[in-house]
Amino acid sequence: MKLLSEVLKRPLVTEKATTLKTNGRKIALEVAMAANKNEIKAAAEKFFGVLVDSVNTSICRGKTKRVGKTMGRRSNWKKAVLTLKEGSDMDAFGVVAGPVAGGQ
């Protein structure tokens, strides 16, 4: 089995991912291209301490970008959307909701 840091790269913080989290029990992560669903599920359960119900993956194709007169291409990457079981909740950043420091 691969290391957890090799399978899970980073949480995705987008408008769509935030909507999935608030409306359902879904978390979006960027994962390694070579990782399969079983490895992603095991890594998330061990690293975040949650129970994962299902894993959906998709490969996001890199965009072609232009810098000056040269054309370049961003790398492809893999996205995983984890559906958590009832009663499981996860905060990928470890942020505790509460009053803002220095605020009123």
N, C-alpha and C. Protein backbone atom coordinates (compact mmCIF):
# COMPACT_ATOMS: atom_id res chain seq x y z
N MET A 1 0.83 -1.19 0.00
CA MET A 1 0.00 0.00 0.00
C MET A 1 0.87 1.24 0.00
N LYS A 2 0.40 2.27 -0.67
CA LYS A 2 1.13 3.53 -0.76
C LYS A 2 0.97 4.32 0.54
N LEU A 3 1.86 5.28 0.73
CA LEU A 3 1.75 6.16 1.87
C LEU A 3 0.53 7.07 1.71
N LEU A 4 -0.03 7.50 2.85
CA LEU A 4 -1.21 8.37 2.80
C LEU A 4 -0.91 9.66 2.05
N SER A 5 0.30 10.20 2.25
CA SER A 5 0.65 11.45 1.59
C SER A 5 0.83 11.28 0.08
N GLU A 6 1.06 10.05 -0.37
CA GLU A 6 1.17 9.79 -1.80
C GLU A 6 -0.21 9.65 -2.46
N VAL A 7 -1.19 9.19 -1.70
CA VAL A 7 -2.53 8.97 -2.26
C VAL A 7 -3.34 10.26 -2.22
N LEU A 8 -3.42 10.89 -1.05
CA LEU A 8 -4.20 12.12 -0.89
C LEU A 8 -3.28 13.32 -1.05
N LYS A 9 -3.59 14.19 -2.01
CA LYS A 9 -2.74 15.35 -2.24
C LYS A 9 -3.24 16.59 -1.51
N ARG A 10 -4.49 16.98 -1.77
CA ARG A 10 -5.02 18.18 -1.12
C ARG A 10 -6.54 18.20 -1.24
N PRO A 11 -7.20 18.89 -0.31
CA PRO A 11 -8.65 19.07 -0.44
C PRO A 11 -8.93 20.14 -1.49
N LEU A 12 -10.04 19.99 -2.19
CA LEU A 12 -10.44 20.98 -3.19
C LEU A 12 -11.39 21.97 -2.54
N VAL A 13 -11.05 23.24 -2.65
CA VAL A 13 -11.88 24.29 -2.10
C VAL A 13 -12.40 25.11 -3.27
N THR A 14 -13.54 24.69 -3.79
CA THR A 14 -14.19 25.38 -4.89
C THR A 14 -15.63 25.62 -4.48
N GLU A 15 -16.32 26.41 -5.27
CA GLU A 15 -17.72 26.68 -4.97
C GLU A 15 -18.55 25.40 -5.03
N LYS A 16 -18.26 24.56 -6.02
CA LYS A 16 -19.00 23.31 -6.18
C LYS A 16 -18.71 22.35 -5.02
N ALA A 17 -17.44 22.25 -4.62
CA ALA A 17 -17.08 21.35 -3.52
C ALA A 17 -17.68 21.82 -2.20
N THR A 18 -17.73 23.12 -1.99
CA THR A 18 -18.34 23.65 -0.78
C THR A 18 -19.84 23.38 -0.76
N THR A 19 -20.49 23.50 -1.90
CA THR A 19 -21.92 23.20 -2.00
C THR A 19 -22.18 21.72 -1.72
N LEU A 20 -21.33 20.83 -2.25
CA LEU A 20 -21.48 19.40 -1.99
C LEU A 20 -21.36 19.11 -0.50
N LYS A 21 -20.43 19.78 0.18
CA LYS A 21 -20.21 19.55 1.61
C LYS A 21 -21.40 20.03 2.43
N THR A 22 -21.96 21.21 2.09
CA THR A 22 -23.05 21.74 2.89
C THR A 22 -24.38 21.03 2.60
N ASN A 23 -24.62 20.62 1.37
CA ASN A 23 -25.89 19.97 1.01
C ASN A 23 -25.90 18.48 1.33
N GLY A 24 -24.76 17.86 1.30
CA GLY A 24 -24.71 16.42 1.55
C GLY A 24 -23.50 16.08 2.38
N ARG A 25 -23.15 14.83 2.38
CA ARG A 25 -21.99 14.37 3.14
C ARG A 25 -20.85 14.06 2.18
N LYS A 26 -20.51 14.99 1.30
CA LYS A 26 -19.51 14.74 0.27
C LYS A 26 -18.31 15.65 0.44
N ILE A 27 -17.13 15.09 0.21
CA ILE A 27 -15.87 15.81 0.30
C ILE A 27 -15.11 15.62 -1.00
N ALA A 28 -14.55 16.68 -1.56
CA ALA A 28 -13.79 16.60 -2.80
C ALA A 28 -12.30 16.73 -2.49
N LEU A 29 -11.50 15.83 -3.05
CA LEU A 29 -10.05 15.82 -2.84
C LEU A 29 -9.33 15.64 -4.16
N GLU A 30 -8.12 16.18 -4.24
CA GLU A 30 -7.23 15.85 -5.35
C GLU A 30 -6.39 14.66 -4.89
N VAL A 31 -6.30 13.64 -5.73
CA VAL A 31 -5.59 12.42 -5.37
C VAL A 31 -4.55 12.08 -6.45
N ALA A 32 -3.71 11.11 -6.16
CA ALA A 32 -2.69 10.68 -7.11
C ALA A 32 -3.34 10.02 -8.33
N MET A 33 -2.74 10.23 -9.49
CA MET A 33 -3.29 9.66 -10.73
C MET A 33 -3.31 8.13 -10.68
N ALA A 34 -2.35 7.52 -10.02
CA ALA A 34 -2.25 6.06 -10.00
C ALA A 34 -3.10 5.43 -8.90
N ALA A 35 -3.72 6.22 -8.05
CA ALA A 35 -4.50 5.69 -6.93
C ALA A 35 -5.85 5.16 -7.42
N ASN A 36 -6.27 4.01 -6.87
CA ASN A 36 -7.58 3.47 -7.22
C ASN A 36 -8.56 3.76 -6.08
N LYS A 37 -9.82 3.40 -6.28
CA LYS A 37 -10.87 3.74 -5.32
C LYS A 37 -10.64 3.10 -3.95
N ASN A 38 -10.15 1.86 -3.94
CA ASN A 38 -9.91 1.18 -2.66
C ASN A 38 -8.81 1.87 -1.87
N GLU A 39 -7.73 2.28 -2.53
CA GLU A 39 -6.64 2.98 -1.85
C GLU A 39 -7.10 4.34 -1.34
N ILE A 40 -7.90 5.05 -2.12
CA ILE A 40 -8.40 6.36 -1.71
C ILE A 40 -9.29 6.22 -0.48
N LYS A 41 -10.18 5.22 -0.49
CA LYS A 41 -11.08 5.00 0.64
C LYS A 41 -10.31 4.66 1.90
N ALA A 42 -9.34 3.76 1.79
CA ALA A 42 -8.55 3.36 2.96
C ALA A 42 -7.73 4.53 3.50
N ALA A 43 -7.14 5.31 2.62
CA ALA A 43 -6.32 6.44 3.04
C ALA A 43 -7.17 7.50 3.73
N ALA A 44 -8.34 7.81 3.20
CA ALA A 44 -9.21 8.82 3.80
C ALA A 44 -9.72 8.37 5.17
N GLU A 45 -10.09 7.11 5.28
CA GLU A 45 -10.58 6.60 6.56
C GLU A 45 -9.48 6.62 7.62
N LYS A 46 -8.27 6.29 7.23
CA LYS A 46 -7.17 6.27 8.19
C LYS A 46 -6.69 7.69 8.53
N PHE A 47 -6.57 8.55 7.54
CA PHE A 47 -6.02 9.88 7.75
C PHE A 47 -7.00 10.81 8.46
N PHE A 48 -8.26 10.83 8.02
CA PHE A 48 -9.24 11.75 8.57
C PHE A 48 -10.09 11.13 9.68
N GLY A 49 -10.07 9.81 9.83
CA GLY A 49 -10.83 9.15 10.88
C GLY A 49 -12.34 9.19 10.66
N VAL A 50 -12.76 9.03 9.40
CA VAL A 50 -14.18 9.02 9.06
C VAL A 50 -14.53 7.70 8.39
N LEU A 51 -15.82 7.43 8.25
CA LEU A 51 -16.27 6.24 7.54
C LEU A 51 -16.75 6.66 6.15
N VAL A 52 -16.15 6.09 5.10
CA VAL A 52 -16.47 6.46 3.73
C VAL A 52 -17.45 5.45 3.17
N ASP A 53 -18.54 5.95 2.60
CA ASP A 53 -19.56 5.09 2.00
C ASP A 53 -19.19 4.73 0.57
N SER A 54 -18.83 5.73 -0.25
CA SER A 54 -18.46 5.47 -1.64
C SER A 54 -17.45 6.49 -2.11
N VAL A 55 -16.76 6.15 -3.21
CA VAL A 55 -15.75 7.01 -3.81
C VAL A 55 -16.04 7.12 -5.31
N ASN A 56 -16.17 8.33 -5.80
CA ASN A 56 -16.32 8.58 -7.23
C ASN A 56 -15.08 9.33 -7.70
N THR A 57 -14.47 8.87 -8.80
CA THR A 57 -13.27 9.52 -9.30
C THR A 57 -13.47 10.01 -10.72
N SER A 58 -12.72 11.03 -11.08
CA SER A 58 -12.71 11.52 -12.45
C SER A 58 -11.34 12.12 -12.74
N ILE A 59 -10.93 12.02 -13.99
CA ILE A 59 -9.66 12.60 -14.41
C ILE A 59 -9.96 13.93 -15.07
N CYS A 60 -9.39 14.99 -14.52
CA CYS A 60 -9.58 16.34 -15.05
C CYS A 60 -8.42 16.63 -15.99
N ARG A 61 -8.74 16.89 -17.22
CA ARG A 61 -7.72 17.14 -18.24
C ARG A 61 -7.13 18.52 -18.07
N GLY A 62 -5.80 18.62 -18.25
CA GLY A 62 -5.12 19.90 -18.14
C GLY A 62 -5.45 20.82 -19.29
N LYS A 63 -5.49 22.10 -19.01
CA LYS A 63 -5.83 23.09 -20.03
C LYS A 63 -4.58 23.53 -20.79
N THR A 64 -4.78 23.94 -22.01
CA THR A 64 -3.70 24.54 -22.79
C THR A 64 -3.65 26.02 -22.44
N LYS A 65 -2.47 26.50 -22.07
CA LYS A 65 -2.29 27.88 -21.67
C LYS A 65 -1.22 28.53 -22.52
N ARG A 66 -1.38 29.82 -22.72
CA ARG A 66 -0.42 30.57 -23.52
C ARG A 66 0.32 31.55 -22.61
N VAL A 67 1.65 31.54 -22.69
CA VAL A 67 2.48 32.48 -21.96
C VAL A 67 3.34 33.18 -23.00
N GLY A 68 2.99 34.42 -23.30
CA GLY A 68 3.69 35.13 -24.37
C GLY A 68 3.34 34.49 -25.70
N LYS A 69 4.37 34.14 -26.44
CA LYS A 69 4.08 33.48 -27.73
C LYS A 69 4.29 31.97 -27.68
N THR A 70 4.60 31.44 -26.52
CA THR A 70 4.78 29.99 -26.40
C THR A 70 3.52 29.37 -25.80
N MET A 71 3.17 28.19 -26.28
CA MET A 71 2.01 27.46 -25.78
C MET A 71 2.49 26.41 -24.79
N GLY A 72 1.77 26.29 -23.70
CA GLY A 72 2.09 25.29 -22.69
C GLY A 72 0.83 24.52 -22.33
N ARG A 73 0.99 23.52 -21.49
CA ARG A 73 -0.14 22.70 -21.09
C ARG A 73 -0.02 22.35 -19.63
N ARG A 74 -1.11 22.50 -18.89
CA ARG A 74 -1.13 22.09 -17.49
C ARG A 74 -1.27 20.57 -17.40
N SER A 75 -0.84 20.02 -16.30
CA SER A 75 -0.89 18.57 -16.12
C SER A 75 -2.31 18.09 -15.86
N ASN A 76 -2.59 16.84 -16.24
CA ASN A 76 -3.85 16.20 -15.88
C ASN A 76 -3.80 15.87 -14.39
N TRP A 77 -4.97 15.82 -13.75
CA TRP A 77 -5.03 15.46 -12.34
C TRP A 77 -6.31 14.69 -12.06
N LYS A 78 -6.32 13.98 -10.96
CA LYS A 78 -7.46 13.13 -10.61
C LYS A 78 -8.20 13.71 -9.41
N LYS A 79 -9.52 13.74 -9.54
CA LYS A 79 -10.38 14.25 -8.48
C LYS A 79 -11.19 13.09 -7.91
N ALA A 80 -11.32 13.06 -6.59
CA ALA A 80 -12.13 12.05 -5.93
C ALA A 80 -13.18 12.75 -5.08
N VAL A 81 -14.44 12.31 -5.20
CA VAL A 81 -15.52 12.82 -4.36
C VAL A 81 -15.92 11.69 -3.44
N LEU A 82 -15.71 11.89 -2.14
CA LEU A 82 -16.01 10.87 -1.14
C LEU A 82 -17.38 11.14 -0.55
N THR A 83 -18.22 10.13 -0.49
CA THR A 83 -19.50 10.22 0.20
C THR A 83 -19.32 9.56 1.56
N LEU A 84 -19.55 10.33 2.62
CA LEU A 84 -19.35 9.82 3.98
C LEU A 84 -20.62 9.14 4.47
N LYS A 85 -20.44 8.17 5.37
CA LYS A 85 -21.59 7.48 5.96
C LYS A 85 -22.31 8.40 6.93
N GLU A 86 -23.56 8.05 7.24
CA GLU A 86 -24.37 8.84 8.18
C GLU A 86 -23.61 9.01 9.49
N GLY A 87 -23.63 10.20 10.03
CA GLY A 87 -22.98 10.46 11.31
C GLY A 87 -21.52 10.83 11.19
N SER A 88 -20.92 10.67 10.02
CA SER A 88 -19.52 11.05 9.83
C SER A 88 -19.45 12.47 9.30
N ASP A 89 -18.50 13.23 9.81
CA ASP A 89 -18.27 14.58 9.32
C ASP A 89 -16.77 14.82 9.32
N MET A 90 -16.33 15.65 8.39
CA MET A 90 -14.89 15.87 8.26
C MET A 90 -14.65 17.33 7.95
N ASP A 91 -13.63 17.88 8.60
CA ASP A 91 -13.15 19.22 8.26
C ASP A 91 -11.72 19.04 7.80
N ALA A 92 -11.50 19.19 6.50
CA ALA A 92 -10.20 18.88 5.90
C ALA A 92 -9.09 19.79 6.40
N PHE A 93 -9.44 21.00 6.89
CA PHE A 93 -8.41 21.94 7.30
C PHE A 93 -8.21 22.00 8.81
N GLY A 94 -9.05 21.30 9.57
CA GLY A 94 -8.91 21.32 11.01
C GLY A 94 -9.36 22.64 11.62
N VAL A 95 -10.21 23.36 10.93
CA VAL A 95 -10.69 24.65 11.42
C VAL A 95 -11.90 24.42 12.29
N VAL A 96 -11.89 25.01 13.47
CA VAL A 96 -13.01 24.88 14.38
C VAL A 96 -13.88 26.12 14.23
N ALA A 97 -15.16 25.92 14.01
CA ALA A 97 -16.07 27.05 13.86
C ALA A 97 -16.23 27.75 15.20
N GLY A 98 -16.21 29.05 15.17
CA GLY A 98 -16.36 29.82 16.40
C GLY A 98 -16.09 31.28 16.10
N PRO A 99 -15.97 32.08 17.16
CA PRO A 99 -15.73 33.50 16.94
C PRO A 99 -14.36 33.74 16.31
N VAL A 100 -14.30 34.79 15.53
CA VAL A 100 -13.05 35.16 14.85
C VAL A 100 -12.11 35.77 15.87
N ALA A 101 -10.84 35.38 15.82
CA ALA A 101 -9.85 35.93 16.75
C ALA A 101 -9.70 37.43 16.52
N GLY A 102 -9.75 38.19 17.58
CA GLY A 102 -9.62 39.64 17.48
C GLY A 102 -10.90 40.32 17.07
N GLY A 103 -11.94 39.53 16.83
CA GLY A 103 -13.24 40.09 16.43
C GLY A 103 -14.08 40.43 17.64
N GLN A 104 -15.30 40.81 17.39
CA GLN A 104 -16.18 41.20 18.47
C GLN A 104 -17.13 40.11 18.84
